[in-house]
Amino acid sequence: MMISVPTTLEQLITAVQQLQPEERAIVAQTMR
């Protein structure tokens, strides 16, 4: 799965909101 690097915080937030709940949990663990 390729994830483009967001250039702004707004784009990052938008991308996270589009994730499925299980994907969001993975991202949360990774960013911790």
Protein backbone atom coordinates (compact mmCIF):
# COMPACT_ATOMS: atom_id res chain seq x y z
CA MET A 1 0.00 0.00 0.00
CA MET A 2 1.55 3.28 -1.11
CA ILE A 3 0.92 6.35 1.01
CA SER A 4 1.80 9.71 -0.50
CA VAL A 5 3.53 12.09 1.89
CA PRO A 6 1.14 14.90 2.79
CA THR A 7 2.59 18.38 2.35
CA THR A 8 0.37 20.05 4.92
CA LEU A 9 -1.18 19.10 8.24
CA GLU A 10 -4.62 19.61 6.70
CA GLN A 11 -3.89 17.02 4.02
CA LEU A 12 -2.62 14.62 6.68
CA ILE A 13 -5.81 15.01 8.72
CA THR A 14 -7.95 14.51 5.61
CA ALA A 15 -6.02 11.35 4.71
CA VAL A 16 -6.42 9.93 8.22
CA GLN A 17 -10.16 10.64 8.19
CA GLN A 18 -10.47 8.61 4.98
CA LEU A 19 -8.81 5.56 6.55
CA GLN A 20 -10.77 2.55 7.73
CA PRO A 21 -10.95 2.20 11.56
CA GLU A 22 -8.47 -0.71 11.61
CA GLU A 23 -6.03 1.26 9.44
CA ARG A 24 -6.40 4.27 11.74
CA ALA A 25 -5.42 2.10 14.72
CA ILE A 26 -2.27 0.98 12.90
CA VAL A 27 -1.36 4.58 12.09
CA ALA A 28 -1.92 5.59 15.71
CA GLN A 29 0.45 2.86 16.90
CA THR A 30 3.07 3.86 14.32
CA MET A 31 3.00 7.56 15.23
CA ARG A 32 3.25 6.91 18.96
